[in-house]
Amino acid sequence: MSLAAVLLFAASQNIANPNIDMAAYLRAASEAAAERQTHRLTEDEFIAMSRMPGTVILDARSAEMYRLRHVRGAINLSFPDIAIASLAKLLPDKNTRILIYCNNNFRGDEIAFASKIARASLNLSTYIALYSYGYRNVWELGPLLDVKTTKIELEGTH
């Protein structure tokens, strides 16, 4: 279904809720997708950028999965908790350099990094959400890495 057809269908439903805007979401997703292409990092680039002053590594997985295993130094803000107030508190400067990663960046630990289907990757929804809230200095870990051989330091209880 084309974007135009989706928008036409949504408009035909006429169920008003000013706090839910599918058309704006799809526009933001399209804009974010274009920007994301130049904001994906190799393993070495991710490590180098993570060491730059002022960089925040954001893990948007659940608190439980974060506790099991996460990138050393990452902060956790579970995707369902990304909201106006939580972002204002955790990341008040929208120019902050933010590095993101998700389950689909790591293999070899299906408990802490359970695979999702590619089109439902948490990186995608997290990138779009941060973009929608006005964050433009967001960088995504690109490759699929093995937890046993990655150069990225991981920590947790698992």
Protein backbone atom coordinates (compact mmCIF):
# COMPACT_ATOMS: atom_id res chain seq x y z
CA MET A 1 0.00 0.00 0.00
CA SER A 2 1.41 3.39 -0.97
CA LEU A 3 1.88 6.22 1.53
CA ALA A 4 -0.90 8.14 -0.22
CA ALA A 5 -3.27 5.18 0.16
CA VAL A 6 -2.39 4.82 3.83
CA LEU A 7 -3.02 8.53 4.42
CA LEU A 8 -6.31 8.42 2.51
CA PHE A 9 -7.46 5.39 4.49
CA ALA A 10 -6.45 7.02 7.79
CA ALA A 11 -8.33 10.20 6.88
CA SER A 12 -11.42 8.18 5.94
CA GLN A 13 -11.56 6.64 9.42
CA ASN A 14 -12.31 10.04 10.99
CA ILE A 15 -11.54 8.90 14.53
CA ALA A 16 -10.24 12.05 16.15
CA ASN A 17 -7.36 11.95 18.62
CA PRO A 18 -4.97 14.90 18.55
CA ASN A 19 -2.35 12.84 20.41
CA ILE A 20 -2.01 10.24 17.64
CA ASP A 21 -0.91 11.35 14.17
CA MET A 22 -0.09 8.56 11.72
CA ALA A 23 0.56 10.93 8.82
CA ALA A 24 3.13 12.89 10.86
CA TYR A 25 4.71 9.62 12.04
CA LEU A 26 5.11 8.38 8.47
CA ARG A 27 6.62 11.71 7.39
CA ALA A 28 9.06 11.63 10.33
CA ALA A 29 9.93 8.00 9.58
CA SER A 30 10.68 8.88 5.97
CA GLU A 31 12.85 11.85 6.99
CA ALA A 32 14.61 9.79 9.68
CA ALA A 33 15.29 6.98 7.20
CA ALA A 34 17.06 9.39 4.86
CA GLU A 35 19.20 10.83 7.67
CA ARG A 36 19.90 7.39 9.18
CA GLN A 37 21.77 6.34 6.04
CA THR A 38 24.64 8.66 6.98
CA HIS A 39 24.43 7.91 10.72
CA ARG A 40 25.29 4.20 10.80
CA LEU A 41 28.59 3.17 12.36
CA THR A 42 31.01 0.29 12.05
CA GLU A 43 32.13 -1.45 15.22
CA ASP A 44 35.36 0.59 15.35
CA GLU A 45 33.53 3.88 14.65
CA PHE A 46 31.02 3.09 17.41
CA ILE A 47 33.84 2.43 19.89
CA ALA A 48 35.71 5.61 18.91
CA MET A 49 32.61 7.78 19.08
CA SER A 50 31.58 6.24 22.42
CA ARG A 51 34.82 7.55 23.93
CA MET A 52 34.20 11.15 22.84
CA PRO A 53 33.26 13.52 25.66
CA GLY A 54 29.55 14.18 25.93
CA THR A 55 28.51 11.00 24.13
CA VAL A 56 25.58 9.03 25.53
CA ILE A 57 25.08 5.36 24.67
CA LEU A 58 21.37 4.64 24.85
CA ASP A 59 19.96 1.14 25.32
CA ALA A 60 16.21 1.20 24.61
CA ARG A 61 15.62 -2.46 25.47
CA SER A 62 13.70 -3.46 28.58
CA ALA A 63 15.31 -2.92 31.97
CA GLU A 64 15.45 -6.69 32.42
CA MET A 65 17.39 -7.27 29.19
CA TYR A 66 19.65 -4.30 29.98
CA ARG A 67 20.51 -5.84 33.37
CA LEU A 68 21.40 -9.13 31.71
CA ARG A 69 23.87 -7.64 29.23
CA HIS A 70 24.49 -4.25 27.70
CA VAL A 71 27.24 -2.11 26.19
CA ARG A 72 29.49 -0.89 29.00
CA GLY A 73 28.57 2.66 29.95
CA ALA A 74 25.15 2.58 28.28
CA ILE A 75 22.16 4.13 29.99
CA ASN A 76 18.79 2.45 29.81
CA LEU A 77 15.58 4.11 28.71
CA SER A 78 13.20 1.38 27.67
CA PHE A 79 11.44 2.18 24.39
CA PRO A 80 7.95 2.33 25.94
CA ASP A 81 9.30 4.91 28.41
CA ILE A 82 10.55 7.30 25.71
CA ALA A 83 8.33 10.32 26.28
CA ILE A 84 8.51 14.09 26.50
CA ALA A 85 9.30 14.16 30.23
CA SER A 86 11.75 11.23 30.31
CA LEU A 87 13.76 12.62 27.40
CA ALA A 88 13.77 16.12 28.88
CA LYS A 89 15.16 14.69 32.11
CA LEU A 90 17.67 12.22 30.64
CA LEU A 91 18.71 14.08 27.46
CA PRO A 92 17.79 17.76 27.91
CA ASP A 93 20.16 18.93 25.14
CA LYS A 94 18.79 17.78 21.79
CA ASN A 95 22.27 18.21 20.30
CA THR A 96 23.71 15.49 22.55
CA ARG A 97 25.57 12.80 20.60
CA ILE A 98 23.54 9.62 21.14
CA LEU A 99 24.70 6.15 20.12
CA ILE A 100 22.07 3.42 19.84
CA TYR A 101 22.15 -0.33 19.42
CA CYS A 102 19.62 -3.12 19.83
CA ASN A 103 19.07 -6.87 20.01
CA ASN A 104 19.74 -7.24 16.32
CA ASN A 105 23.30 -5.95 16.65
CA PHE A 106 24.45 -8.94 18.71
CA ARG A 107 24.30 -12.70 18.28
CA GLY A 108 25.45 -15.48 20.55
CA ASP A 109 23.23 -14.59 23.51
CA GLU A 110 19.58 -15.15 22.65
CA ILE A 111 18.57 -14.51 26.25
CA ALA A 112 19.91 -10.95 26.56
CA PHE A 113 19.79 -10.15 22.82
CA ALA A 114 16.73 -11.99 21.50
CA SER A 115 16.52 -11.50 17.73
CA LYS A 116 13.61 -9.58 16.23
CA ILE A 117 12.50 -9.69 12.63
CA ALA A 118 14.53 -7.19 10.63
CA ARG A 119 11.67 -4.78 9.92
CA ALA A 120 10.81 -4.66 13.64
CA SER A 121 14.36 -3.97 14.82
CA LEU A 122 14.44 -1.75 17.88
CA ASN A 123 17.13 0.40 16.24
CA LEU A 124 14.60 1.51 13.64
CA SER A 125 11.85 2.50 16.05
CA THR A 126 14.32 4.10 18.47
CA TYR A 127 15.94 6.15 15.69
CA ILE A 128 12.55 7.32 14.41
CA ALA A 129 11.34 8.16 17.93
CA LEU A 130 14.44 10.20 18.79
CA TYR A 131 14.23 11.95 15.41
CA SER A 132 10.55 12.73 16.05
CA TYR A 133 11.46 14.34 19.39
CA GLY A 134 14.01 16.56 17.65
CA TYR A 135 17.27 14.69 18.29
CA ARG A 136 19.45 14.85 15.17
CA ASN A 137 22.85 13.75 16.53
CA VAL A 138 21.84 10.08 16.76
CA TRP A 139 24.21 7.37 15.53
CA GLU A 140 23.39 3.69 15.10
CA LEU A 141 25.62 0.67 15.45
CA GLY A 142 25.30 -1.01 12.06
CA PRO A 143 26.79 -4.52 11.99
CA LEU A 144 25.71 -7.81 13.53
CA LEU A 145 28.41 -8.74 16.06
CA ASP A 146 29.10 -11.90 18.05
CA VAL A 147 29.07 -11.29 21.81
CA LYS A 148 32.11 -13.55 22.18
CA THR A 149 34.32 -11.74 19.65
CA THR A 150 33.10 -8.13 19.54
CA LYS A 151 35.56 -5.42 20.51
CA ILE A 152 32.69 -3.54 22.15
CA GLU A 153 32.80 -4.09 25.89
CA LEU A 154 29.65 -5.68 27.28
CA GLU A 155 28.64 -6.01 30.91
CA GLY A 156 25.76 -7.30 32.98
CA THR A 157 24.66 -10.20 35.12
CA HIS A 158 24.42 -12.76 32.29
